[in-house]
Amino acid sequence: MSSQTRSAFLAEYRAARARGDYDKALEIGLAAIDYDREHPGEPPLMDELRGLHLPAAA
């Protein structure tokens, strides 16, 4: 997945969460799991989604 596509994917997830559209956010999360399973040699997309909910380190 190109870095632009990955960024767009993450932006869509953040936007869905911000709107409170948890059905769409879940759909995106499940797509990330499928993508990770089909592309084991790439950085895990689901890890990036999980990281969006962690507080930043100081």
C-alpha atoms as a PDB file:
ATOM      1  CA  MET A   1       0.000   0.000   0.000  1.00  0.00           C
ATOM      2  CA  SER A   2       1.439   3.358  -0.928  1.00  0.00           C
ATOM      3  CA  SER A   3       2.002   5.902   1.829  1.00  0.00           C
ATOM      4  CA  GLN A   4      -0.685   8.120   0.274  1.00  0.00           C
ATOM      5  CA  THR A   5      -3.242   5.315   0.312  1.00  0.00           C
ATOM      6  CA  ARG A   6      -2.283   4.412   3.894  1.00  0.00           C
ATOM      7  CA  SER A   7      -2.686   8.059   4.947  1.00  0.00           C
ATOM      8  CA  ALA A   8      -6.080   8.277   3.246  1.00  0.00           C
ATOM      9  CA  PHE A   9      -7.186   5.053   4.972  1.00  0.00           C
ATOM     10  CA  LEU A  10      -6.171   6.413   8.387  1.00  0.00           C
ATOM     11  CA  ALA A  11      -7.817   9.774   7.672  1.00  0.00           C
ATOM     12  CA  GLU A  12     -11.073   8.043   6.750  1.00  0.00           C
ATOM     13  CA  TYR A  13     -10.948   6.099  10.025  1.00  0.00           C
ATOM     14  CA  ARG A  14     -10.285   9.261  12.074  1.00  0.00           C
ATOM     15  CA  ALA A  15     -13.120  11.078  10.304  1.00  0.00           C
ATOM     16  CA  ALA A  16     -15.560   8.236  10.964  1.00  0.00           C
ATOM     17  CA  ARG A  17     -14.646   8.228  14.663  1.00  0.00           C
ATOM     18  CA  ALA A  18     -14.965  12.015  14.851  1.00  0.00           C
ATOM     19  CA  ARG A  19     -18.467  11.829  13.328  1.00  0.00           C
ATOM     20  CA  GLY A  20     -19.428   9.073  15.739  1.00  0.00           C
ATOM     21  CA  ASP A  21     -19.962   6.701  12.814  1.00  0.00           C
ATOM     22  CA  TYR A  22     -18.748   3.609  14.633  1.00  0.00           C
ATOM     23  CA  ASP A  23     -20.209   1.248  12.043  1.00  0.00           C
ATOM     24  CA  LYS A  24     -17.929   2.815   9.405  1.00  0.00           C
ATOM     25  CA  ALA A  25     -14.980   2.813  11.830  1.00  0.00           C
ATOM     26  CA  LEU A  26     -15.557  -0.890  12.508  1.00  0.00           C
ATOM     27  CA  GLU A  27     -15.784  -1.589   8.774  1.00  0.00           C
ATOM     28  CA  ILE A  28     -12.447   0.170   8.265  1.00  0.00           C
ATOM     29  CA  GLY A  29     -10.890  -1.725  11.181  1.00  0.00           C
ATOM     30  CA  LEU A  30     -12.007  -5.052   9.771  1.00  0.00           C
ATOM     31  CA  ALA A  31     -10.636  -4.074   6.352  1.00  0.00           C
ATOM     32  CA  ALA A  32      -7.301  -3.292   8.047  1.00  0.00           C
ATOM     33  CA  ILE A  33      -7.250  -6.752   9.616  1.00  0.00           C
ATOM     34  CA  ASP A  34      -7.955  -8.352   6.231  1.00  0.00           C
ATOM     35  CA  TYR A  35      -5.273  -6.239   4.568  1.00  0.00           C
ATOM     36  CA  ASP A  36      -2.702  -7.177   7.210  1.00  0.00           C
ATOM     37  CA  ARG A  37      -3.500 -10.860   6.792  1.00  0.00           C
ATOM     38  CA  GLU A  38      -3.142 -10.652   2.996  1.00  0.00           C
ATOM     39  CA  HIS A  39       0.104  -8.590   3.123  1.00  0.00           C
ATOM     40  CA  PRO A  40       2.221 -10.005   5.970  1.00  0.00           C
ATOM     41  CA  GLY A  41       5.431  -8.387   4.701  1.00  0.00           C
ATOM     42  CA  GLU A  42       4.139  -4.821   5.081  1.00  0.00           C
ATOM     43  CA  PRO A  43       3.901  -2.744   8.269  1.00  0.00           C
ATOM     44  CA  PRO A  44       0.650  -3.658  10.049  1.00  0.00           C
ATOM     45  CA  LEU A  45      -2.122  -1.205   9.275  1.00  0.00           C
ATOM     46  CA  MET A  46      -4.115  -2.301  12.325  1.00  0.00           C
ATOM     47  CA  ASP A  47      -1.229  -1.279  14.581  1.00  0.00           C
ATOM     48  CA  GLU A  48      -1.499   2.236  13.180  1.00  0.00           C
ATOM     49  CA  LEU A  49      -5.239   2.311  13.831  1.00  0.00           C
ATOM     50  CA  ARG A  50      -4.673   1.157  17.410  1.00  0.00           C
ATOM     51  CA  GLY A  51      -1.967   3.780  17.824  1.00  0.00           C
ATOM     52  CA  LEU A  52      -4.439   6.551  17.077  1.00  0.00           C
ATOM     53  CA  HIS A  53      -6.034   5.912  20.481  1.00  0.00           C
ATOM     54  CA  LEU A  54      -2.836   5.962  22.529  1.00  0.00           C
ATOM     55  CA  PRO A  55      -1.651   9.108  24.261  1.00  0.00           C
ATOM     56  CA  ALA A  56       1.480  10.621  22.795  1.00  0.00           C
ATOM     57  CA  ALA A  57       4.700   9.997  24.687  1.00  0.00           C
ATOM     58  CA  ALA A  58       6.258  13.036  26.273  1.00  0.00           C
END
